[in-house]
Amino acid sequence: MNHLKTFTLLAALTALFVGIGYLIGGATGMLIALVFAAGMNLFSYWNADRIVLRMYRAQPVDEQHPNAVVRTYVADVVQMARAAGLPRPMIAIIPNDQPNAFATGRNPQNAAVCATTGLLDMLTRDEIRGVMAHELAHVKNRDTLTMTVTATVAGAIAALANFALFFGGGDDRERPGGIVGTLALMILAPMAAGLVQMAISRTREYEADRVGAEIAGDPAALASALQKIEAWSKRIHNPVAERNPASGQLFIINPLAGRGADNLFSTHPATGNRVRALMELGTKMGLTPRATAPVATPIQRPAATSVPATPSRTAGPWG
């Protein structure tokens, strides 16, 4: 069902692009805008993973890491990737106290999964497995490709709207609604494209929750993790995400500001809706529901696992 929703939304976005392109710039203007937007997004597709990993100071880790929690984290990701039929991704940690995680990379062969040090400090092993299974599901579903295609079409629509300002899309007799109609398209077309893009992003999160819960075999653990991450993300700031809000959609929970419902302008589904879907999945899988852990205080770890938000050594966090 989520795949069908994604296809339908992509079809709607494409139809919006074709219709607006024809109204504003005709066939030639539509083609120019598409080529321009595709070029920009192709560059992002090949380079965005390196850019975002550098932005968040992600540090690759492996089984030889001196910290036991990190070694367990690596071992679990490797085991789940193998079980999901995926190549081993690059596994990294991010020096940030806010519990969160994301996946990036243009395809499964060039994927990276990242967890913050806050996530490893505050969640149980089962919850960490659930979160990282969700990120592996994004890799398995090739969501980076889906969102790149979506961004390409949305960018083309925005470019067409800009073309309307300079070229006018013909004389007033050829322009539905005249100059007023053109101005309306300039404002409303990018907004409509952005709303569809956000809807696709939310749909992919639900699908990654489902596939991730199946990979880890524990929907309740992921549901518990989502509740904890949301609670702590509201109390612990993510300075890098605040400076680069466009990267917020990468994370399993919005690192900027939580929202109480699935509304038109949110990039993530409401956590309560995700938890309900996961618990229903657990029931279908024949698993016994269990109480979620409290989120008022973080899970206590040995002091050796904690790191400052800004490491003082160049060797990277946790070693």
C-alpha atoms as a PDB file:
ATOM      1  CA  MET A   1       0.000   0.000   0.000  1.00  0.00           C
ATOM      2  CA  ASN A   2       2.821   2.433   0.846  1.00  0.00           C
ATOM      3  CA  HIS A   3       4.531   1.637  -2.477  1.00  0.00           C
ATOM      4  CA  LEU A   4       1.237   2.375  -4.264  1.00  0.00           C
ATOM      5  CA  LYS A   5       0.885   5.675  -2.383  1.00  0.00           C
ATOM      6  CA  THR A   6       4.424   6.658  -3.362  1.00  0.00           C
ATOM      7  CA  PHE A   7       3.786   5.812  -7.026  1.00  0.00           C
ATOM      8  CA  THR A   8       0.515   7.777  -7.004  1.00  0.00           C
ATOM      9  CA  LEU A   9       2.168  10.825  -5.426  1.00  0.00           C
ATOM     10  CA  LEU A  10       5.054  10.682  -7.907  1.00  0.00           C
ATOM     11  CA  ALA A  11       2.553  10.455 -10.771  1.00  0.00           C
ATOM     12  CA  ALA A  12       0.679  13.463  -9.386  1.00  0.00           C
ATOM     13  CA  LEU A  13       3.919  15.428  -9.071  1.00  0.00           C
ATOM     14  CA  THR A  14       4.882  14.577 -12.650  1.00  0.00           C
ATOM     15  CA  ALA A  15       1.449  15.552 -13.942  1.00  0.00           C
ATOM     16  CA  LEU A  16       1.704  18.839 -12.050  1.00  0.00           C
ATOM     17  CA  PHE A  17       5.088  19.502 -13.651  1.00  0.00           C
ATOM     18  CA  VAL A  18       3.886  18.728 -17.181  1.00  0.00           C
ATOM     19  CA  GLY A  19       0.730  20.818 -16.857  1.00  0.00           C
ATOM     20  CA  ILE A  20       2.408  23.842 -15.285  1.00  0.00           C
ATOM     21  CA  GLY A  21       5.345  23.642 -17.676  1.00  0.00           C
ATOM     22  CA  TYR A  22       3.056  23.741 -20.669  1.00  0.00           C
ATOM     23  CA  LEU A  23       0.990  26.617 -19.298  1.00  0.00           C
ATOM     24  CA  ILE A  24       3.993  28.747 -18.374  1.00  0.00           C
ATOM     25  CA  GLY A  25       6.768  28.029 -20.849  1.00  0.00           C
ATOM     26  CA  GLY A  26       5.418  25.680 -23.456  1.00  0.00           C
ATOM     27  CA  ALA A  27       7.325  22.558 -24.423  1.00  0.00           C
ATOM     28  CA  THR A  28      10.677  24.351 -24.737  1.00  0.00           C
ATOM     29  CA  GLY A  29      10.536  26.020 -21.339  1.00  0.00           C
ATOM     30  CA  MET A  30       9.418  22.788 -19.734  1.00  0.00           C
ATOM     31  CA  LEU A  31      12.370  20.884 -21.202  1.00  0.00           C
ATOM     32  CA  ILE A  32      14.909  23.550 -20.182  1.00  0.00           C
ATOM     33  CA  ALA A  33      13.636  23.582 -16.604  1.00  0.00           C
ATOM     34  CA  LEU A  34      13.728  19.791 -16.366  1.00  0.00           C
ATOM     35  CA  VAL A  35      17.316  19.589 -17.653  1.00  0.00           C
ATOM     36  CA  PHE A  36      18.438  22.331 -15.253  1.00  0.00           C
ATOM     37  CA  ALA A  37      16.767  20.767 -12.211  1.00  0.00           C
ATOM     38  CA  ALA A  38      17.953  17.262 -13.149  1.00  0.00           C
ATOM     39  CA  GLY A  39      21.555  18.498 -13.390  1.00  0.00           C
ATOM     40  CA  MET A  40      21.427  20.032  -9.929  1.00  0.00           C
ATOM     41  CA  ASN A  41      19.848  16.978  -8.343  1.00  0.00           C
ATOM     42  CA  LEU A  42      22.179  14.575 -10.168  1.00  0.00           C
ATOM     43  CA  PHE A  43      25.097  16.367  -8.527  1.00  0.00           C
ATOM     44  CA  SER A  44      23.356  16.044  -5.158  1.00  0.00           C
ATOM     45  CA  TYR A  45      22.615  12.375  -5.768  1.00  0.00           C
ATOM     46  CA  TRP A  46      26.316  11.566  -6.286  1.00  0.00           C
ATOM     47  CA  ASN A  47      27.708  13.860  -3.604  1.00  0.00           C
ATOM     48  CA  ALA A  48      25.036  14.469  -0.947  1.00  0.00           C
ATOM     49  CA  ASP A  49      26.106  11.487   1.182  1.00  0.00           C
ATOM     50  CA  ARG A  50      29.688  12.730   1.520  1.00  0.00           C
ATOM     51  CA  ILE A  51      28.452  16.254   2.191  1.00  0.00           C
ATOM     52  CA  VAL A  52      26.064  15.243   4.974  1.00  0.00           C
ATOM     53  CA  LEU A  53      28.536  12.835   6.613  1.00  0.00           C
ATOM     54  CA  ARG A  54      31.152  15.591   6.710  1.00  0.00           C
ATOM     55  CA  MET A  55      28.591  18.108   7.947  1.00  0.00           C
ATOM     56  CA  TYR A  56      27.706  15.941  10.963  1.00  0.00           C
ATOM     57  CA  ARG A  57      31.337  14.870  11.576  1.00  0.00           C
ATOM     58  CA  ALA A  58      30.390  11.208  11.241  1.00  0.00           C
ATOM     59  CA  GLN A  59      33.158   8.858  12.356  1.00  0.00           C
ATOM     60  CA  PRO A  60      33.316   5.341  10.802  1.00  0.00           C
ATOM     61  CA  VAL A  61      33.508   2.539  13.377  1.00  0.00           C
ATOM     62  CA  ASP A  62      34.076  -1.222  13.198  1.00  0.00           C
ATOM     63  CA  GLU A  63      34.354  -4.326  15.355  1.00  0.00           C
ATOM     64  CA  GLN A  64      37.755  -3.214  16.693  1.00  0.00           C
ATOM     65  CA  HIS A  65      36.409  -0.116  18.439  1.00  0.00           C
ATOM     66  CA  PRO A  66      37.546   0.105  22.098  1.00  0.00           C
ATOM     67  CA  ASN A  67      34.014   0.796  23.394  1.00  0.00           C
ATOM     68  CA  ALA A  68      31.864  -2.304  23.986  1.00  0.00           C
ATOM     69  CA  VAL A  69      28.589  -0.490  23.214  1.00  0.00           C
ATOM     70  CA  VAL A  70      29.940   0.573  19.819  1.00  0.00           C
ATOM     71  CA  ARG A  71      31.195  -2.936  19.063  1.00  0.00           C
ATOM     72  CA  THR A  72      27.745  -4.324  19.822  1.00  0.00           C
ATOM     73  CA  TYR A  73      26.140  -1.631  17.663  1.00  0.00           C
ATOM     74  CA  VAL A  74      28.418  -2.542  14.748  1.00  0.00           C
ATOM     75  CA  ALA A  75      27.850  -6.285  15.164  1.00  0.00           C
ATOM     76  CA  ASP A  76      24.065  -5.844  15.212  1.00  0.00           C
ATOM     77  CA  VAL A  77      24.038  -3.662  12.081  1.00  0.00           C
ATOM     78  CA  VAL A  78      26.250  -6.145  10.219  1.00  0.00           C
ATOM     79  CA  GLN A  79      24.044  -9.076  11.271  1.00  0.00           C
ATOM     80  CA  MET A  80      20.796  -7.325  10.267  1.00  0.00           C
ATOM     81  CA  ALA A  81      22.217  -6.141   6.937  1.00  0.00           C
ATOM     82  CA  ARG A  82      23.210  -9.707   6.152  1.00  0.00           C
ATOM     83  CA  ALA A  83      19.770 -10.994   7.158  1.00  0.00           C
ATOM     84  CA  ALA A  84      18.131  -8.365   4.912  1.00  0.00           C
ATOM     85  CA  GLY A  85      20.294  -9.391   1.943  1.00  0.00           C
ATOM     86  CA  LEU A  86      22.163  -6.081   1.892  1.00  0.00           C
ATOM     87  CA  PRO A  87      25.862  -5.358   1.399  1.00  0.00           C
ATOM     88  CA  ARG A  88      27.636  -4.210   4.534  1.00  0.00           C
ATOM     89  CA  PRO A  89      27.085  -0.433   4.803  1.00  0.00           C
ATOM     90  CA  MET A  90      29.528   2.047   6.202  1.00  0.00           C
ATOM     91  CA  ILE A  91      28.692   2.228   9.923  1.00  0.00           C
ATOM     92  CA  ALA A  92      29.320   5.519  11.721  1.00  0.00           C
ATOM     93  CA  ILE A  93      28.614   7.411  14.928  1.00  0.00           C
ATOM     94  CA  ILE A  94      27.934  11.133  15.209  1.00  0.00           C
ATOM     95  CA  PRO A  95      29.147  13.160  18.216  1.00  0.00           C
ATOM     96  CA  ASN A  96      25.786  14.573  19.259  1.00  0.00           C
ATOM     97  CA  ASP A  97      23.883  14.210  22.551  1.00  0.00           C
ATOM     98  CA  GLN A  98      20.476  14.153  20.858  1.00  0.00           C
ATOM     99  CA  PRO A  99      19.377  10.539  20.242  1.00  0.00           C
ATOM    100  CA  ASN A 100      18.779  10.125  16.513  1.00  0.00           C
ATOM    101  CA  ALA A 101      19.923   8.249  13.415  1.00  0.00           C
ATOM    102  CA  PHE A 102      19.855   8.424   9.633  1.00  0.00           C
ATOM    103  CA  ALA A 103      20.912   6.573   6.488  1.00  0.00           C
ATOM    104  CA  THR A 104      22.420   8.020   3.337  1.00  0.00           C
ATOM    105  CA  GLY A 105      24.037   6.864   0.112  1.00  0.00           C
ATOM    106  CA  ARG A 106      22.922   6.633  -3.509  1.00  0.00           C
ATOM    107  CA  ASN A 107      22.372   2.831  -3.486  1.00  0.00           C
ATOM    108  CA  PRO A 108      22.844  -0.216  -1.208  1.00  0.00           C
ATOM    109  CA  GLN A 109      26.417  -0.652  -2.461  1.00  0.00           C
ATOM    110  CA  ASN A 110      27.322   2.887  -1.344  1.00  0.00           C
ATOM    111  CA  ALA A 111      25.199   3.245   1.786  1.00  0.00           C
ATOM    112  CA  ALA A 112      26.047   4.567   5.221  1.00  0.00           C
ATOM    113  CA  VAL A 113      24.049   4.280   8.452  1.00  0.00           C
ATOM    114  CA  CYS A 114      24.749   6.625  11.347  1.00  0.00           C
ATOM    115  CA  ALA A 115      23.695   6.764  14.998  1.00  0.00           C
ATOM    116  CA  THR A 116      24.380   9.626  17.365  1.00  0.00           C
ATOM    117  CA  THR A 117      26.282   8.998  20.567  1.00  0.00           C
ATOM    118  CA  GLY A 118      23.128  10.126  22.365  1.00  0.00           C
ATOM    119  CA  LEU A 119      21.192   7.278  20.773  1.00  0.00           C
ATOM    120  CA  LEU A 120      23.741   4.706  21.947  1.00  0.00           C
ATOM    121  CA  ASP A 121      23.740   6.211  25.438  1.00  0.00           C
ATOM    122  CA  MET A 122      19.988   6.474  25.996  1.00  0.00           C
ATOM    123  CA  LEU A 123      18.438   3.446  24.312  1.00  0.00           C
ATOM    124  CA  THR A 124      18.554  -0.250  25.085  1.00  0.00           C
ATOM    125  CA  ARG A 125      20.213  -2.693  22.722  1.00  0.00           C
ATOM    126  CA  ASP A 126      16.862  -3.911  21.358  1.00  0.00           C
ATOM    127  CA  GLU A 127      15.748  -0.326  20.734  1.00  0.00           C
ATOM    128  CA  ILE A 128      19.019   0.513  18.962  1.00  0.00           C
ATOM    129  CA  ARG A 129      18.560  -2.567  16.790  1.00  0.00           C
ATOM    130  CA  GLY A 130      15.051  -1.397  15.909  1.00  0.00           C
ATOM    131  CA  VAL A 131      16.258   2.067  14.933  1.00  0.00           C
ATOM    132  CA  MET A 132      19.119   0.778  12.804  1.00  0.00           C
ATOM    133  CA  ALA A 133      16.838  -1.786  11.151  1.00  0.00           C
ATOM    134  CA  HIS A 134      14.636   1.166  10.149  1.00  0.00           C
ATOM    135  CA  GLU A 135      17.671   2.845   8.566  1.00  0.00           C
ATOM    136  CA  LEU A 136      18.621  -0.373   6.767  1.00  0.00           C
ATOM    137  CA  ALA A 137      15.048  -0.493   5.461  1.00  0.00           C
ATOM    138  CA  HIS A 138      15.599   2.929   3.854  1.00  0.00           C
ATOM    139  CA  VAL A 139      18.664   1.458   2.154  1.00  0.00           C
ATOM    140  CA  LYS A 140      16.793  -1.682   1.075  1.00  0.00           C
ATOM    141  CA  ASN A 141      13.884   0.367  -0.284  1.00  0.00           C
ATOM    142  CA  ARG A 142      16.270   2.686  -2.187  1.00  0.00           C
ATOM    143  CA  ASP A 143      14.539   5.675  -0.638  1.00  0.00           C
ATOM    144  CA  THR A 144      17.472   7.925  -1.514  1.00  0.00           C
ATOM    145  CA  LEU A 145      16.696   7.322  -5.187  1.00  0.00           C
ATOM    146  CA  THR A 146      12.977   7.923  -4.637  1.00  0.00           C
ATOM    147  CA  MET A 147      13.579  11.203  -2.852  1.00  0.00           C
ATOM    148  CA  THR A 148      16.121  12.286  -5.489  1.00  0.00           C
ATOM    149  CA  VAL A 149      13.569  11.773  -8.256  1.00  0.00           C
ATOM    150  CA  THR A 150      11.011  13.652  -6.175  1.00  0.00           C
ATOM    151  CA  ALA A 151      13.432  16.515  -5.580  1.00  0.00           C
ATOM    152  CA  THR A 152      14.241  16.643  -9.304  1.00  0.00           C
ATOM    153  CA  VAL A 153      10.608  17.095 -10.318  1.00  0.00           C
ATOM    154  CA  ALA A 154       9.882  19.523  -7.456  1.00  0.00           C
ATOM    155  CA  GLY A 155      12.976  21.529  -8.400  1.00  0.00           C
ATOM    156  CA  ALA A 156      11.865  21.631 -12.025  1.00  0.00           C
ATOM    157  CA  ILE A 157       8.469  22.991 -10.986  1.00  0.00           C
ATOM    158  CA  ALA A 158      10.151  25.721  -8.931  1.00  0.00           C
ATOM    159  CA  ALA A 159      12.374  26.561 -11.935  1.00  0.00           C
ATOM    160  CA  LEU A 160       9.332  26.800 -14.192  1.00  0.00           C
ATOM    161  CA  ALA A 161       7.714  29.184 -11.727  1.00  0.00           C
ATOM    162  CA  ASN A 162      10.821  31.381 -11.931  1.00  0.00           C
ATOM    163  CA  PHE A 163      10.737  31.244 -15.726  1.00  0.00           C
ATOM    164  CA  ALA A 164       7.232  32.679 -15.590  1.00  0.00           C
ATOM    165  CA  LEU A 165       8.646  35.849 -14.032  1.00  0.00           C
ATOM    166  CA  PHE A 166      11.091  36.442 -16.889  1.00  0.00           C
ATOM    167  CA  PHE A 167       9.370  34.973 -19.948  1.00  0.00           C
ATOM    168  CA  GLY A 168       5.727  35.346 -19.100  1.00  0.00           C
ATOM    169  CA  GLY A 169       4.681  32.143 -20.880  1.00  0.00           C
ATOM    170  CA  GLY A 170       3.337  33.940 -23.958  1.00  0.00           C
ATOM    171  CA  ASP A 171       0.883  36.797 -24.358  1.00  0.00           C
ATOM    172  CA  ASP A 172      -2.159  37.243 -22.208  1.00  0.00           C
ATOM    173  CA  ARG A 173      -4.430  35.478 -24.726  1.00  0.00           C
ATOM    174  CA  GLU A 174      -2.339  32.297 -24.356  1.00  0.00           C
ATOM    175  CA  ARG A 175      -2.086  32.553 -20.621  1.00  0.00           C
ATOM    176  CA  PRO A 176      -5.062  31.262 -18.587  1.00  0.00           C
ATOM    177  CA  GLY A 177      -5.993  33.992 -16.164  1.00  0.00           C
ATOM    178  CA  GLY A 178      -3.541  36.482 -17.722  1.00  0.00           C
ATOM    179  CA  ILE A 179      -0.812  37.969 -15.541  1.00  0.00           C
ATOM    180  CA  VAL A 180      -2.826  37.214 -12.397  1.00  0.00           C
ATOM    181  CA  GLY A 181      -2.948  33.548 -13.327  1.00  0.00           C
ATOM    182  CA  THR A 182       0.792  33.495 -13.997  1.00  0.00           C
ATOM    183  CA  LEU A 183       1.554  35.114 -10.641  1.00  0.00           C
ATOM    184  CA  ALA A 184      -0.714  32.599  -8.928  1.00  0.00           C
ATOM    185  CA  LEU A 185       1.160  29.734 -10.601  1.00  0.00           C
ATOM    186  CA  MET A 186       4.497  31.219  -9.517  1.00  0.00           C
ATOM    187  CA  ILE A 187       3.384  31.135  -5.879  1.00  0.00           C
ATOM    188  CA  LEU A 188       1.145  28.073  -5.706  1.00  0.00           C
ATOM    189  CA  ALA A 189       3.020  25.636  -7.974  1.00  0.00           C
ATOM    190  CA  PRO A 190       6.171  25.349  -5.795  1.00  0.00           C
ATOM    191  CA  MET A 191       3.992  25.118  -2.694  1.00  0.00           C
ATOM    192  CA  ALA A 192       1.962  22.268  -4.194  1.00  0.00           C
ATOM    193  CA  ALA A 193       5.141  20.469  -5.286  1.00  0.00           C
ATOM    194  CA  GLY A 194       6.618  20.867  -1.800  1.00  0.00           C
ATOM    195  CA  LEU A 195       3.490  19.438  -0.171  1.00  0.00           C
ATOM    196  CA  VAL A 196       3.583  16.371  -2.426  1.00  0.00           C
ATOM    197  CA  GLN A 197       7.305  15.974  -1.702  1.00  0.00           C
ATOM    198  CA  MET A 198       6.624  16.033   2.057  1.00  0.00           C
ATOM    199  CA  ALA A 199       3.788  13.540   1.653  1.00  0.00           C
ATOM    200  CA  ILE A 200       6.131  11.140  -0.162  1.00  0.00           C
ATOM    201  CA  SER A 201       8.706  11.547   2.618  1.00  0.00           C
ATOM    202  CA  ARG A 202       6.109  10.663   5.271  1.00  0.00           C
ATOM    203  CA  THR A 203       4.949   7.646   3.250  1.00  0.00           C
ATOM    204  CA  ARG A 204       8.530   6.361   3.034  1.00  0.00           C
ATOM    205  CA  GLU A 205       8.911   6.646   6.825  1.00  0.00           C
ATOM    206  CA  TYR A 206       5.893   4.422   7.414  1.00  0.00           C
ATOM    207  CA  GLU A 207       7.264   1.871   4.944  1.00  0.00           C
ATOM    208  CA  ALA A 208      10.721   1.950   6.564  1.00  0.00           C
ATOM    209  CA  ASP A 209       9.093   1.383   9.969  1.00  0.00           C
ATOM    210  CA  ARG A 210       7.300  -1.692   8.630  1.00  0.00           C
ATOM    211  CA  VAL A 211      10.294  -3.204   6.824  1.00  0.00           C
ATOM    212  CA  GLY A 212      12.651  -2.287   9.666  1.00  0.00           C
ATOM    213  CA  ALA A 213      10.405  -3.966  12.231  1.00  0.00           C
ATOM    214  CA  GLU A 214      10.464  -7.110  10.099  1.00  0.00           C
ATOM    215  CA  ILE A 215      14.257  -7.003   9.762  1.00  0.00           C
ATOM    216  CA  ALA A 216      14.768  -6.655  13.529  1.00  0.00           C
ATOM    217  CA  GLY A 217      11.828  -8.945  14.331  1.00  0.00           C
ATOM    218  CA  ASP A 218      10.651  -6.606  17.105  1.00  0.00           C
ATOM    219  CA  PRO A 219       8.117  -3.872  16.221  1.00  0.00           C
ATOM    220  CA  ALA A 220       7.657  -2.995  19.914  1.00  0.00           C
ATOM    221  CA  ALA A 221      11.343  -2.154  20.323  1.00  0.00           C
ATOM    222  CA  LEU A 222      11.199   0.308  17.427  1.00  0.00           C
ATOM    223  CA  ALA A 223       7.957   1.793  18.802  1.00  0.00           C
ATOM    224  CA  SER A 224       9.601   2.300  22.206  1.00  0.00           C
ATOM    225  CA  ALA A 225      12.682   3.832  20.566  1.00  0.00           C
ATOM    226  CA  LEU A 226      10.581   6.296  18.567  1.00  0.00           C
ATOM    227  CA  GLN A 227       8.869   7.509  21.730  1.00  0.00           C
ATOM    228  CA  LYS A 228      12.159   7.999  23.547  1.00  0.00           C
ATOM    229  CA  ILE A 229      13.828   9.748  20.621  1.00  0.00           C
ATOM    230  CA  GLU A 230      10.915  12.141  20.189  1.00  0.00           C
ATOM    231  CA  ALA A 231      10.842  12.974  23.903  1.00  0.00           C
ATOM    232  CA  TRP A 232      14.569  13.691  24.072  1.00  0.00           C
ATOM    233  CA  SER A 233      14.809  15.482  20.719  1.00  0.00           C
ATOM    234  CA  LYS A 234      12.519  18.150  22.151  1.00  0.00           C
ATOM    235  CA  ARG A 235      14.875  18.695  25.107  1.00  0.00           C
ATOM    236  CA  ILE A 236      18.296  18.270  23.494  1.00  0.00           C
ATOM    237  CA  HIS A 237      19.213  20.536  20.602  1.00  0.00           C
ATOM    238  CA  ASN A 238      20.986  19.369  17.466  1.00  0.00           C
ATOM    239  CA  PRO A 239      23.005  22.477  16.490  1.00  0.00           C
ATOM    240  CA  VAL A 240      24.110  21.135  13.106  1.00  0.00           C
ATOM    241  CA  ALA A 241      20.544  20.291  12.112  1.00  0.00           C
ATOM    242  CA  GLU A 242      19.368  23.705  13.307  1.00  0.00           C
ATOM    243  CA  ARG A 243      21.924  25.335  10.998  1.00  0.00           C
ATOM    244  CA  ASN A 244      20.973  23.011   8.119  1.00  0.00           C
ATOM    245  CA  PRO A 245      17.232  22.376   8.483  1.00  0.00           C
ATOM    246  CA  ALA A 246      16.943  20.766   5.039  1.00  0.00           C
ATOM    247  CA  SER A 247      18.897  17.791   6.404  1.00  0.00           C
ATOM    248  CA  GLY A 248      16.279  17.202   9.094  1.00  0.00           C
ATOM    249  CA  GLN A 249      14.204  14.909   6.872  1.00  0.00           C
ATOM    250  CA  LEU A 250      17.067  12.392   6.852  1.00  0.00           C
ATOM    251  CA  PHE A 251      16.632  11.511  10.532  1.00  0.00           C
ATOM    252  CA  ILE A 252      14.282   8.893  11.938  1.00  0.00           C
ATOM    253  CA  ILE A 253      12.664  11.618  14.095  1.00  0.00           C
ATOM    254  CA  ASN A 254      12.609  15.309  13.196  1.00  0.00           C
ATOM    255  CA  PRO A 255      15.671  16.782  14.980  1.00  0.00           C
ATOM    256  CA  LEU A 256      14.276  20.316  14.838  1.00  0.00           C
ATOM    257  CA  ALA A 257      10.743  20.625  16.258  1.00  0.00           C
ATOM    258  CA  GLY A 258       8.234  17.860  16.865  1.00  0.00           C
ATOM    259  CA  ARG A 259       4.698  18.074  15.513  1.00  0.00           C
ATOM    260  CA  GLY A 260       1.575  16.620  17.040  1.00  0.00           C
ATOM    261  CA  ALA A 261      -0.106  15.290  13.909  1.00  0.00           C
ATOM    262  CA  ASP A 262       0.436  14.399  10.257  1.00  0.00           C
ATOM    263  CA  ASN A 263      -0.094  17.837   8.773  1.00  0.00           C
ATOM    264  CA  LEU A 264       0.667  19.242   5.337  1.00  0.00           C
ATOM    265  CA  PHE A 265       3.957  20.834   6.338  1.00  0.00           C
ATOM    266  CA  SER A 266       5.594  18.017   8.334  1.00  0.00           C
ATOM    267  CA  THR A 267       8.321  15.836   6.830  1.00  0.00           C
ATOM    268  CA  HIS A 268       7.791  13.054   9.398  1.00  0.00           C
ATOM    269  CA  PRO A 269       4.612  11.219  10.399  1.00  0.00           C
ATOM    270  CA  ALA A 270       3.287  11.826  13.890  1.00  0.00           C
ATOM    271  CA  THR A 271       5.122   9.491  16.266  1.00  0.00           C
ATOM    272  CA  GLY A 272       1.870   8.341  17.850  1.00  0.00           C
ATOM    273  CA  ASN A 273       0.610   7.181  14.445  1.00  0.00           C
ATOM    274  CA  ARG A 274       3.854   5.324  13.802  1.00  0.00           C
ATOM    275  CA  VAL A 275       3.721   3.617  17.198  1.00  0.00           C
ATOM    276  CA  ARG A 276       0.133   2.458  16.621  1.00  0.00           C
ATOM    277  CA  ALA A 277       1.047   1.047  13.209  1.00  0.00           C
ATOM    278  CA  LEU A 278       4.007  -0.811  14.712  1.00  0.00           C
ATOM    279  CA  MET A 279       1.956  -2.277  17.547  1.00  0.00           C
ATOM    280  CA  GLU A 280      -0.659  -3.451  15.028  1.00  0.00           C
ATOM    281  CA  LEU A 281       2.163  -5.046  13.018  1.00  0.00           C
ATOM    282  CA  GLY A 282       3.396  -6.786  16.149  1.00  0.00           C
ATOM    283  CA  THR A 283      -0.073  -8.223  16.728  1.00  0.00           C
ATOM    284  CA  LYS A 284      -0.191  -9.516  13.147  1.00  0.00           C
ATOM    285  CA  MET A 285       3.233 -11.102  13.676  1.00  0.00           C
ATOM    286  CA  GLY A 286       1.849 -12.885  16.744  1.00  0.00           C
ATOM    287  CA  LEU A 287       4.092 -11.054  19.197  1.00  0.00           C
ATOM    288  CA  THR A 288       2.907 -10.301  22.720  1.00  0.00           C
ATOM    289  CA  PRO A 289       2.600  -6.543  23.336  1.00  0.00           C
ATOM    290  CA  ARG A 290       4.911  -5.233  26.013  1.00  0.00           C
ATOM    291  CA  ALA A 291       4.960  -2.010  27.969  1.00  0.00           C
ATOM    292  CA  THR A 292       7.225   0.655  26.586  1.00  0.00           C
ATOM    293  CA  ALA A 293      10.075   1.938  28.731  1.00  0.00           C
ATOM    294  CA  PRO A 294       9.647   5.325  30.436  1.00  0.00           C
ATOM    295  CA  VAL A 295      11.179   8.302  28.676  1.00  0.00           C
ATOM    296  CA  ALA A 296      11.532  10.725  31.573  1.00  0.00           C
ATOM    297  CA  THR A 297      15.181   9.827  32.148  1.00  0.00           C
ATOM    298  CA  PRO A 298      17.768   8.310  29.833  1.00  0.00           C
ATOM    299  CA  ILE A 299      18.970   4.752  30.130  1.00  0.00           C
ATOM    300  CA  GLN A 300      22.041   4.849  32.348  1.00  0.00           C
ATOM    301  CA  ARG A 301      25.231   3.536  30.771  1.00  0.00           C
ATOM    302  CA  PRO A 302      28.704   3.154  32.209  1.00  0.00           C
ATOM    303  CA  ALA A 303      30.480   6.487  32.289  1.00  0.00           C
ATOM    304  CA  ALA A 304      32.990   5.284  29.705  1.00  0.00           C
ATOM    305  CA  THR A 305      30.330   5.310  26.962  1.00  0.00           C
ATOM    306  CA  SER A 306      29.482   8.981  27.315  1.00  0.00           C
ATOM    307  CA  VAL A 307      31.172  11.639  25.232  1.00  0.00           C
ATOM    308  CA  PRO A 308      30.868  15.422  25.187  1.00  0.00           C
ATOM    309  CA  ALA A 309      28.830  16.986  22.409  1.00  0.00           C
ATOM    310  CA  THR A 310      32.018  18.584  21.090  1.00  0.00           C
ATOM    311  CA  PRO A 311      34.937  16.131  21.249  1.00  0.00           C
ATOM    312  CA  SER A 312      38.241  17.608  22.332  1.00  0.00           C
ATOM    313  CA  ARG A 313      40.360  15.049  20.479  1.00  0.00           C
ATOM    314  CA  THR A 314      40.908  14.691  16.773  1.00  0.00           C
ATOM    315  CA  ALA A 315      40.712  10.902  16.949  1.00  0.00           C
ATOM    316  CA  GLY A 316      36.894  11.078  16.965  1.00  0.00           C
ATOM    317  CA  PRO A 317      34.255  10.253  19.560  1.00  0.00           C
ATOM    318  CA  TRP A 318      34.411   7.216  21.828  1.00  0.00           C
ATOM    319  CA  GLY A 319      38.050   6.375  21.119  1.00  0.00           C
END
